Amino acid sequence: MLDLRAPLCLTCLLAATACVPGLRRHHYFDKKEQPHAASWGYEGAGAPEHWAELSPDYHLAEDGRRQSPVDIRGAAQQELPALGFDYREVPVRMVYNGHSVQENEDGNSHLVVGDKRFKLEQFHFHSPSEHTVEGEPFAMELHFVHEGADGEVAVVSVLIEEGDHNESYDLIWSKLPDDTNRNVRAAALIRVQDLLPQRRGYYAYQGSFTTPPCTEGVRWFVMREPVQLSKAQIATFRKVIFHNNRPVQPLHGRAISESR
């Protein structure tokens, strides 16, 4: 019998889904919001410091040793594989789920790391950032969530700082869903590749999802160069949702690598 209290890698979790009643993929892969084991959020009784108390399914929020996000400092430079981004244009399919603003992908975009290929499932935003660098937060953070054929998950994080207006984000910002209009669809095409920074250096570490059940076994790639959005663009997003960030978690001896 599977011990639901034991930390599982995502591959094991996905493999167990077919034979263990009630065990399912992380909600990050749901195209529509599904019921959670327990209601959670970012404030009050459902805030991150209480997640582990809300349901036994969320115990990794307290017991996990490879939790995300983290503060990035003391990274060791290494010869790491380049990140290959094969991101295609996609029509607007944006969802407000109460926890973030999410764009659902059609599965035709991919991330390639070394000899491994990951399918882009969705991307979503946090404000302020979840990861910090040398203790400093950023105005926002964009997460591209990918899944390999074996169930392994890779998340590419783009840190967003206040600066110049960024035209690459204009289409998304003009179609932002909110609590009164939770699903926005349009034929206009998002140039997903343009949402990335120009330079592709990154930090890498082993972590988890940053929302319950905080499943571990996630490969994180945090882009070293942030992108800029204007003060007005950041304010526009924060009118929809703000303070949807989990605080940084202890490293517990994990190493953070930095590409040369």
C-alpha atoms as a PDB file:
ATOM      1  CA  MET A   1       0.000   0.000   0.000  1.00  0.00           C
ATOM      2  CA  LEU A   2       1.262   3.479  -0.842  1.00  0.00           C
ATOM      3  CA  ASP A   3       2.198   5.600   2.168  1.00  0.00           C
ATOM      4  CA  LEU A   4       0.648   8.977   1.438  1.00  0.00           C
ATOM      5  CA  ARG A   5       2.750  10.529   4.196  1.00  0.00           C
ATOM      6  CA  ALA A   6       6.028   9.656   2.464  1.00  0.00           C
ATOM      7  CA  PRO A   7       7.596  12.208   0.090  1.00  0.00           C
ATOM      8  CA  LEU A   8       7.108  11.152  -3.535  1.00  0.00           C
ATOM      9  CA  CYS A   9       8.834  12.227  -6.699  1.00  0.00           C
ATOM     10  CA  LEU A  10       6.343  13.366  -9.303  1.00  0.00           C
ATOM     11  CA  THR A  11       7.075  10.379 -11.525  1.00  0.00           C
ATOM     12  CA  CYS A  12       6.040   8.052  -8.695  1.00  0.00           C
ATOM     13  CA  LEU A  13       3.004  10.181  -7.995  1.00  0.00           C
ATOM     14  CA  LEU A  14       1.837  10.018 -11.598  1.00  0.00           C
ATOM     15  CA  ALA A  15       2.466   6.285 -11.804  1.00  0.00           C
ATOM     16  CA  ALA A  16       0.399   5.727  -8.674  1.00  0.00           C
ATOM     17  CA  THR A  17      -2.534   7.777  -9.935  1.00  0.00           C
ATOM     18  CA  ALA A  18      -3.951   4.944 -11.976  1.00  0.00           C
ATOM     19  CA  CYS A  19      -4.164   2.490  -9.081  1.00  0.00           C
ATOM     20  CA  VAL A  20      -4.682   4.534  -5.915  1.00  0.00           C
ATOM     21  CA  PRO A  21      -8.152   6.056  -5.473  1.00  0.00           C
ATOM     22  CA  GLY A  22      -8.115   9.795  -4.925  1.00  0.00           C
ATOM     23  CA  LEU A  23      -4.473  10.284  -5.921  1.00  0.00           C
ATOM     24  CA  ARG A  24      -4.183  12.600  -8.914  1.00  0.00           C
ATOM     25  CA  ARG A  25      -1.908  14.896 -10.847  1.00  0.00           C
ATOM     26  CA  HIS A  26      -1.048  18.308  -9.468  1.00  0.00           C
ATOM     27  CA  HIS A  27      -3.655  20.971 -10.183  1.00  0.00           C
ATOM     28  CA  TYR A  28      -1.063  22.858 -12.267  1.00  0.00           C
ATOM     29  CA  PHE A  29      -1.969  20.479 -15.089  1.00  0.00           C
ATOM     30  CA  ASP A  30      -5.722  21.020 -14.879  1.00  0.00           C
ATOM     31  CA  LYS A  31      -7.141  23.052 -17.750  1.00  0.00           C
ATOM     32  CA  LYS A  32     -10.116  23.837 -15.521  1.00  0.00           C
ATOM     33  CA  GLU A  33      -9.991  24.447 -11.778  1.00  0.00           C
ATOM     34  CA  GLN A  34     -10.752  21.238  -9.857  1.00  0.00           C
ATOM     35  CA  PRO A  35     -11.635  20.680  -6.183  1.00  0.00           C
ATOM     36  CA  HIS A  36      -8.632  20.716  -3.863  1.00  0.00           C
ATOM     37  CA  ALA A  37      -8.061  18.470  -0.846  1.00  0.00           C
ATOM     38  CA  ALA A  38      -8.663  21.610   1.238  1.00  0.00           C
ATOM     39  CA  SER A  39      -9.187  25.259   0.458  1.00  0.00           C
ATOM     40  CA  TRP A  40      -5.958  27.264   0.615  1.00  0.00           C
ATOM     41  CA  GLY A  41      -4.790  30.751  -0.190  1.00  0.00           C
ATOM     42  CA  TYR A  42      -2.262  33.402   0.739  1.00  0.00           C
ATOM     43  CA  GLU A  43      -3.906  35.175   3.659  1.00  0.00           C
ATOM     44  CA  GLY A  44      -5.500  34.335   6.990  1.00  0.00           C
ATOM     45  CA  ALA A  45      -6.211  30.745   8.008  1.00  0.00           C
ATOM     46  CA  GLY A  46      -5.375  29.456   4.528  1.00  0.00           C
ATOM     47  CA  ALA A  47      -2.033  31.251   4.255  1.00  0.00           C
ATOM     48  CA  PRO A  48       1.206  29.374   3.377  1.00  0.00           C
ATOM     49  CA  GLU A  49       2.287  29.002   6.999  1.00  0.00           C
ATOM     50  CA  HIS A  50      -0.902  26.975   7.600  1.00  0.00           C
ATOM     51  CA  TRP A  51      -0.967  24.822   4.453  1.00  0.00           C
ATOM     52  CA  ALA A  52       0.302  21.691   6.188  1.00  0.00           C
ATOM     53  CA  GLU A  53      -2.482  22.013   8.780  1.00  0.00           C
ATOM     54  CA  LEU A  54      -5.262  22.140   6.186  1.00  0.00           C
ATOM     55  CA  SER A  55      -5.006  18.552   4.920  1.00  0.00           C
ATOM     56  CA  PRO A  56      -2.741  15.494   5.333  1.00  0.00           C
ATOM     57  CA  ASP A  57      -2.273  15.738   1.555  1.00  0.00           C
ATOM     58  CA  TYR A  58      -0.406  19.009   2.136  1.00  0.00           C
ATOM     59  CA  HIS A  59       2.087  17.664   4.680  1.00  0.00           C
ATOM     60  CA  LEU A  60       5.080  18.342   2.409  1.00  0.00           C
ATOM     61  CA  ALA A  61       4.493  22.066   2.952  1.00  0.00           C
ATOM     62  CA  GLU A  62       5.999  21.426   6.402  1.00  0.00           C
ATOM     63  CA  ASP A  63       7.783  18.079   6.143  1.00  0.00           C
ATOM     64  CA  GLY A  64       9.363  18.476   2.714  1.00  0.00           C
ATOM     65  CA  ARG A  65      13.120  18.917   2.403  1.00  0.00           C
ATOM     66  CA  ARG A  66      13.133  20.133  -1.196  1.00  0.00           C
ATOM     67  CA  GLN A  67      10.558  22.874  -1.181  1.00  0.00           C
ATOM     68  CA  SER A  68      10.221  25.901  -3.443  1.00  0.00           C
ATOM     69  CA  PRO A  69      10.650  28.818  -3.822  1.00  0.00           C
ATOM     70  CA  VAL A  70      14.109  29.571  -2.430  1.00  0.00           C
ATOM     71  CA  ASP A  71      16.454  32.503  -2.030  1.00  0.00           C
ATOM     72  CA  ILE A  72      19.131  32.224  -4.707  1.00  0.00           C
ATOM     73  CA  ARG A  73      22.574  32.946  -3.304  1.00  0.00           C
ATOM     74  CA  GLY A  74      25.978  31.324  -3.387  1.00  0.00           C
ATOM     75  CA  ALA A  75      25.267  29.576  -6.690  1.00  0.00           C
ATOM     76  CA  ALA A  76      28.214  27.576  -8.077  1.00  0.00           C
ATOM     77  CA  GLN A  77      28.997  28.150 -11.745  1.00  0.00           C
ATOM     78  CA  GLN A  78      29.005  24.943 -13.786  1.00  0.00           C
ATOM     79  CA  GLU A  79      28.909  23.749 -17.376  1.00  0.00           C
ATOM     80  CA  LEU A  80      25.148  23.241 -17.611  1.00  0.00           C
ATOM     81  CA  PRO A  81      23.211  22.354 -20.770  1.00  0.00           C
ATOM     82  CA  ALA A  82      21.668  25.210 -22.691  1.00  0.00           C
ATOM     83  CA  LEU A  83      17.915  25.629 -22.414  1.00  0.00           C
ATOM     84  CA  GLY A  84      16.304  25.098 -25.798  1.00  0.00           C
ATOM     85  CA  PHE A  85      13.003  26.958 -26.153  1.00  0.00           C
ATOM     86  CA  ASP A  86      10.712  25.775 -28.921  1.00  0.00           C
ATOM     87  CA  TYR A  87       7.752  27.955 -27.982  1.00  0.00           C
ATOM     88  CA  ARG A  88       5.034  28.454 -30.592  1.00  0.00           C
ATOM     89  CA  GLU A  89       2.454  31.191 -30.984  1.00  0.00           C
ATOM     90  CA  VAL A  90      -0.830  30.299 -29.275  1.00  0.00           C
ATOM     91  CA  PRO A  91      -4.308  31.845 -29.121  1.00  0.00           C
ATOM     92  CA  VAL A  92      -5.398  33.477 -25.887  1.00  0.00           C
ATOM     93  CA  ARG A  93      -6.855  30.949 -23.420  1.00  0.00           C
ATOM     94  CA  MET A  94      -6.463  32.684 -20.087  1.00  0.00           C
ATOM     95  CA  VAL A  95      -7.991  31.628 -16.779  1.00  0.00           C
ATOM     96  CA  TYR A  96      -8.306  33.358 -13.425  1.00  0.00           C
ATOM     97  CA  ASN A  97      -8.469  30.599 -10.793  1.00  0.00           C
ATOM     98  CA  GLY A  98      -8.382  32.658  -7.608  1.00  0.00           C
ATOM     99  CA  HIS A  99      -4.696  31.861  -7.072  1.00  0.00           C
ATOM    100  CA  SER A 100      -3.151  33.200 -10.267  1.00  0.00           C
ATOM    101  CA  VAL A 101      -3.709  34.159 -13.885  1.00  0.00           C
ATOM    102  CA  GLN A 102      -2.913  31.190 -16.116  1.00  0.00           C
ATOM    103  CA  GLU A 103      -2.560  30.670 -19.876  1.00  0.00           C
ATOM    104  CA  ASN A 104      -3.339  27.099 -20.937  1.00  0.00           C
ATOM    105  CA  GLU A 105      -1.145  25.685 -23.701  1.00  0.00           C
ATOM    106  CA  ASP A 106      -2.047  23.337 -26.547  1.00  0.00           C
ATOM    107  CA  GLY A 107       1.001  21.095 -26.103  1.00  0.00           C
ATOM    108  CA  ASN A 108       2.888  22.176 -29.225  1.00  0.00           C
ATOM    109  CA  SER A 109       5.578  24.150 -27.367  1.00  0.00           C
ATOM    110  CA  HIS A 110       8.556  22.454 -25.754  1.00  0.00           C
ATOM    111  CA  LEU A 111      11.609  22.981 -23.579  1.00  0.00           C
ATOM    112  CA  VAL A 112      14.711  20.933 -24.361  1.00  0.00           C
ATOM    113  CA  VAL A 113      17.352  20.376 -21.669  1.00  0.00           C
ATOM    114  CA  GLY A 114      20.228  18.215 -22.824  1.00  0.00           C
ATOM    115  CA  ASP A 115      18.641  15.173 -24.445  1.00  0.00           C
ATOM    116  CA  LYS A 116      15.317  15.553 -22.628  1.00  0.00           C
ATOM    117  CA  ARG A 117      12.205  17.194 -24.031  1.00  0.00           C
ATOM    118  CA  PHE A 118       9.449  18.712 -21.890  1.00  0.00           C
ATOM    119  CA  LYS A 119       6.022  19.773 -23.154  1.00  0.00           C
ATOM    120  CA  LEU A 120       4.827  23.237 -22.106  1.00  0.00           C
ATOM    121  CA  GLU A 121       1.486  22.764 -20.338  1.00  0.00           C
ATOM    122  CA  GLN A 122       0.785  26.282 -19.072  1.00  0.00           C
ATOM    123  CA  PHE A 123       2.270  29.478 -17.753  1.00  0.00           C
ATOM    124  CA  HIS A 124       1.102  31.718 -14.916  1.00  0.00           C
ATOM    125  CA  PHE A 125       2.114  34.729 -12.840  1.00  0.00           C
ATOM    126  CA  HIS A 126       2.910  35.615  -9.218  1.00  0.00           C
ATOM    127  CA  SER A 127       3.200  39.084  -7.721  1.00  0.00           C
ATOM    128  CA  PRO A 128       5.472  39.825  -5.985  1.00  0.00           C
ATOM    129  CA  SER A 129       8.047  37.200  -6.996  1.00  0.00           C
ATOM    130  CA  GLU A 130       8.324  33.899  -5.173  1.00  0.00           C
ATOM    131  CA  HIS A 131      12.062  33.397  -5.698  1.00  0.00           C
ATOM    132  CA  THR A 132      14.443  36.034  -4.415  1.00  0.00           C
ATOM    133  CA  VAL A 133      18.077  36.723  -5.344  1.00  0.00           C
ATOM    134  CA  GLU A 134      20.435  37.539  -2.491  1.00  0.00           C
ATOM    135  CA  GLY A 135      17.358  38.251  -0.389  1.00  0.00           C
ATOM    136  CA  GLU A 136      15.834  40.718  -2.860  1.00  0.00           C
ATOM    137  CA  PRO A 137      12.335  40.085  -4.269  1.00  0.00           C
ATOM    138  CA  PHE A 138      11.147  41.176  -7.705  1.00  0.00           C
ATOM    139  CA  ALA A 139       7.879  42.836  -8.684  1.00  0.00           C
ATOM    140  CA  MET A 140       6.539  39.702 -10.371  1.00  0.00           C
ATOM    141  CA  GLU A 141       7.472  36.214 -11.506  1.00  0.00           C
ATOM    142  CA  LEU A 142       6.365  34.172 -14.512  1.00  0.00           C
ATOM    143  CA  HIS A 143       6.376  30.364 -14.367  1.00  0.00           C
ATOM    144  CA  PHE A 144       6.423  28.167 -17.483  1.00  0.00           C
ATOM    145  CA  VAL A 145       5.316  24.684 -16.370  1.00  0.00           C
ATOM    146  CA  HIS A 146       6.480  21.692 -18.437  1.00  0.00           C
ATOM    147  CA  GLU A 147       6.063  17.935 -18.238  1.00  0.00           C
ATOM    148  CA  GLY A 148       8.290  15.231 -19.728  1.00  0.00           C
ATOM    149  CA  ALA A 149       7.021  12.010 -21.255  1.00  0.00           C
ATOM    150  CA  ASP A 150       8.043  10.212 -18.046  1.00  0.00           C
ATOM    151  CA  GLY A 151       6.069  12.624 -15.851  1.00  0.00           C
ATOM    152  CA  GLU A 152       9.070  14.650 -14.674  1.00  0.00           C
ATOM    153  CA  VAL A 153       8.248  18.337 -14.274  1.00  0.00           C
ATOM    154  CA  ALA A 154      10.448  21.273 -15.234  1.00  0.00           C
ATOM    155  CA  VAL A 155       9.540  24.866 -14.417  1.00  0.00           C
ATOM    156  CA  VAL A 156      11.239  27.845 -16.031  1.00  0.00           C
ATOM    157  CA  SER A 157      10.999  30.976 -13.902  1.00  0.00           C
ATOM    158  CA  VAL A 158      11.283  34.483 -15.341  1.00  0.00           C
ATOM    159  CA  LEU A 159      11.799  37.233 -12.787  1.00  0.00           C
ATOM    160  CA  ILE A 160      10.115  40.537 -13.616  1.00  0.00           C
ATOM    161  CA  GLU A 161      11.359  43.920 -12.444  1.00  0.00           C
ATOM    162  CA  GLU A 162       9.924  47.418 -12.791  1.00  0.00           C
ATOM    163  CA  GLY A 163      11.411  49.301 -15.720  1.00  0.00           C
ATOM    164  CA  ASP A 164      10.487  50.078 -19.316  1.00  0.00           C
ATOM    165  CA  HIS A 165       7.169  49.281 -20.942  1.00  0.00           C
ATOM    166  CA  ASN A 166       7.267  45.796 -22.493  1.00  0.00           C
ATOM    167  CA  GLU A 167       5.230  45.468 -25.681  1.00  0.00           C
ATOM    168  CA  SER A 168       5.614  41.677 -25.671  1.00  0.00           C
ATOM    169  CA  TYR A 169       3.173  41.523 -22.752  1.00  0.00           C
ATOM    170  CA  ASP A 170       0.587  43.942 -24.179  1.00  0.00           C
ATOM    171  CA  LEU A 171      -1.702  41.294 -25.673  1.00  0.00           C
ATOM    172  CA  ILE A 172      -1.825  39.269 -22.456  1.00  0.00           C
ATOM    173  CA  TRP A 173      -2.422  42.381 -20.373  1.00  0.00           C
ATOM    174  CA  SER A 174      -5.292  43.459 -22.653  1.00  0.00           C
ATOM    175  CA  LYS A 175      -6.985  40.076 -22.098  1.00  0.00           C
ATOM    176  CA  LEU A 176      -6.409  39.544 -18.369  1.00  0.00           C
ATOM    177  CA  PRO A 177      -9.246  37.583 -16.738  1.00  0.00           C
ATOM    178  CA  ASP A 178     -10.463  38.472 -13.266  1.00  0.00           C
ATOM    179  CA  ASP A 179     -12.951  37.401 -10.620  1.00  0.00           C
ATOM    180  CA  THR A 180     -15.908  38.584 -12.720  1.00  0.00           C
ATOM    181  CA  ASN A 181     -14.664  37.183 -16.038  1.00  0.00           C
ATOM    182  CA  ARG A 182     -12.648  34.085 -15.204  1.00  0.00           C
ATOM    183  CA  ASN A 183     -12.151  32.690 -18.713  1.00  0.00           C
ATOM    184  CA  VAL A 184     -10.941  34.837 -21.591  1.00  0.00           C
ATOM    185  CA  ARG A 185     -10.488  33.422 -25.084  1.00  0.00           C
ATOM    186  CA  ALA A 186      -9.433  35.242 -28.228  1.00  0.00           C
ATOM    187  CA  ALA A 187      -8.104  34.339 -31.659  1.00  0.00           C
ATOM    188  CA  ALA A 188      -5.185  36.751 -31.288  1.00  0.00           C
ATOM    189  CA  LEU A 189      -1.859  34.917 -31.008  1.00  0.00           C
ATOM    190  CA  ILE A 190       0.508  35.236 -28.048  1.00  0.00           C
ATOM    191  CA  ARG A 191       4.184  35.160 -29.054  1.00  0.00           C
ATOM    192  CA  VAL A 192       5.224  33.058 -26.064  1.00  0.00           C
ATOM    193  CA  GLN A 193       8.919  33.088 -27.010  1.00  0.00           C
ATOM    194  CA  ASP A 194       8.954  36.896 -26.656  1.00  0.00           C
ATOM    195  CA  LEU A 195       8.036  36.665 -22.970  1.00  0.00           C
ATOM    196  CA  LEU A 196      11.523  35.309 -22.197  1.00  0.00           C
ATOM    197  CA  PRO A 197      14.626  37.416 -21.520  1.00  0.00           C
ATOM    198  CA  GLN A 198      17.122  37.772 -24.362  1.00  0.00           C
ATOM    199  CA  ARG A 199      20.003  36.203 -22.454  1.00  0.00           C
ATOM    200  CA  ARG A 200      19.410  32.586 -21.486  1.00  0.00           C
ATOM    201  CA  GLY A 201      21.742  32.066 -18.511  1.00  0.00           C
ATOM    202  CA  TYR A 202      20.021  30.450 -15.534  1.00  0.00           C
ATOM    203  CA  TYR A 203      20.151  29.074 -12.001  1.00  0.00           C
ATOM    204  CA  ALA A 204      19.141  25.446 -11.436  1.00  0.00           C
ATOM    205  CA  TYR A 205      18.088  23.440  -8.398  1.00  0.00           C
ATOM    206  CA  GLN A 206      15.782  20.612  -7.322  1.00  0.00           C
ATOM    207  CA  GLY A 207      12.550  21.755  -5.699  1.00  0.00           C
ATOM    208  CA  SER A 208       8.780  21.462  -5.579  1.00  0.00           C
ATOM    209  CA  PHE A 209       5.586  23.027  -6.750  1.00  0.00           C
ATOM    210  CA  THR A 210       4.976  26.269  -4.873  1.00  0.00           C
ATOM    211  CA  THR A 211       1.299  25.558  -4.161  1.00  0.00           C
ATOM    212  CA  PRO A 212      -0.407  22.700  -2.286  1.00  0.00           C
ATOM    213  CA  PRO A 213       0.224  19.801  -2.241  1.00  0.00           C
ATOM    214  CA  CYS A 214       3.790  21.143  -2.747  1.00  0.00           C
ATOM    215  CA  THR A 215       4.858  17.971  -4.559  1.00  0.00           C
ATOM    216  CA  GLU A 216       8.634  17.561  -4.774  1.00  0.00           C
ATOM    217  CA  GLY A 217      10.738  16.271  -7.677  1.00  0.00           C
ATOM    218  CA  VAL A 218      10.501  19.447  -9.769  1.00  0.00           C
ATOM    219  CA  ARG A 219      13.466  20.703 -11.790  1.00  0.00           C
ATOM    220  CA  TRP A 220      13.708  24.483 -11.499  1.00  0.00           C
ATOM    221  CA  PHE A 221      15.418  26.750 -14.009  1.00  0.00           C
ATOM    222  CA  VAL A 222      15.379  30.394 -12.862  1.00  0.00           C
ATOM    223  CA  MET A 223      16.444  32.744 -15.633  1.00  0.00           C
ATOM    224  CA  ARG A 224      19.319  34.932 -14.484  1.00  0.00           C
ATOM    225  CA  GLU A 225      18.308  38.004 -16.491  1.00  0.00           C
ATOM    226  CA  PRO A 226      14.960  39.534 -15.473  1.00  0.00           C
ATOM    227  CA  VAL A 227      12.548  41.087 -17.937  1.00  0.00           C
ATOM    228  CA  GLN A 228      11.085  44.525 -17.379  1.00  0.00           C
ATOM    229  CA  LEU A 229       7.492  45.696 -17.171  1.00  0.00           C
ATOM    230  CA  SER A 230       6.492  49.284 -16.605  1.00  0.00           C
ATOM    231  CA  LYS A 231       5.065  50.508 -13.334  1.00  0.00           C
ATOM    232  CA  ALA A 232       1.684  50.852 -15.059  1.00  0.00           C
ATOM    233  CA  GLN A 233       1.829  47.287 -16.410  1.00  0.00           C
ATOM    234  CA  ILE A 234       2.625  45.904 -12.968  1.00  0.00           C
ATOM    235  CA  ALA A 235      -0.193  47.941 -11.442  1.00  0.00           C
ATOM    236  CA  THR A 236      -2.626  46.578 -14.054  1.00  0.00           C
ATOM    237  CA  PHE A 237      -1.825  43.011 -13.083  1.00  0.00           C
ATOM    238  CA  ARG A 238      -2.040  43.765  -9.375  1.00  0.00           C
ATOM    239  CA  LYS A 239      -5.573  45.048  -9.824  1.00  0.00           C
ATOM    240  CA  VAL A 240      -6.462  41.454 -10.711  1.00  0.00           C
ATOM    241  CA  ILE A 241      -4.391  39.639  -8.072  1.00  0.00           C
ATOM    242  CA  PHE A 242      -1.616  40.594  -5.656  1.00  0.00           C
ATOM    243  CA  HIS A 243       0.342  38.855  -2.872  1.00  0.00           C
ATOM    244  CA  ASN A 244      -0.073  35.410  -4.444  1.00  0.00           C
ATOM    245  CA  ASN A 245       3.460  34.363  -3.561  1.00  0.00           C
ATOM    246  CA  ARG A 246       4.704  31.634  -1.224  1.00  0.00           C
ATOM    247  CA  PRO A 247       7.628  32.772   0.980  1.00  0.00           C
ATOM    248  CA  VAL A 248      11.075  31.315   0.338  1.00  0.00           C
ATOM    249  CA  GLN A 249      11.789  27.908   1.894  1.00  0.00           C
ATOM    250  CA  PRO A 250      14.932  26.467   3.565  1.00  0.00           C
ATOM    251  CA  LEU A 251      17.464  24.841   1.244  1.00  0.00           C
ATOM    252  CA  HIS A 252      18.223  21.975   3.662  1.00  0.00           C
ATOM    253  CA  GLY A 253      21.648  21.502   2.106  1.00  0.00           C
ATOM    254  CA  ARG A 254      20.572  21.684  -1.536  1.00  0.00           C
ATOM    255  CA  ALA A 255      23.025  23.169  -3.998  1.00  0.00           C
ATOM    256  CA  ILE A 256      22.088  25.877  -6.492  1.00  0.00           C
ATOM    257  CA  SER A 257      23.972  25.788  -9.774  1.00  0.00           C
ATOM    258  CA  GLU A 258      24.544  28.655 -12.198  1.00  0.00           C
ATOM    259  CA  SER A 259      25.195  28.218 -15.897  1.00  0.00           C
ATOM    260  CA  ARG A 260      28.407  29.758 -17.252  1.00  0.00           C
END
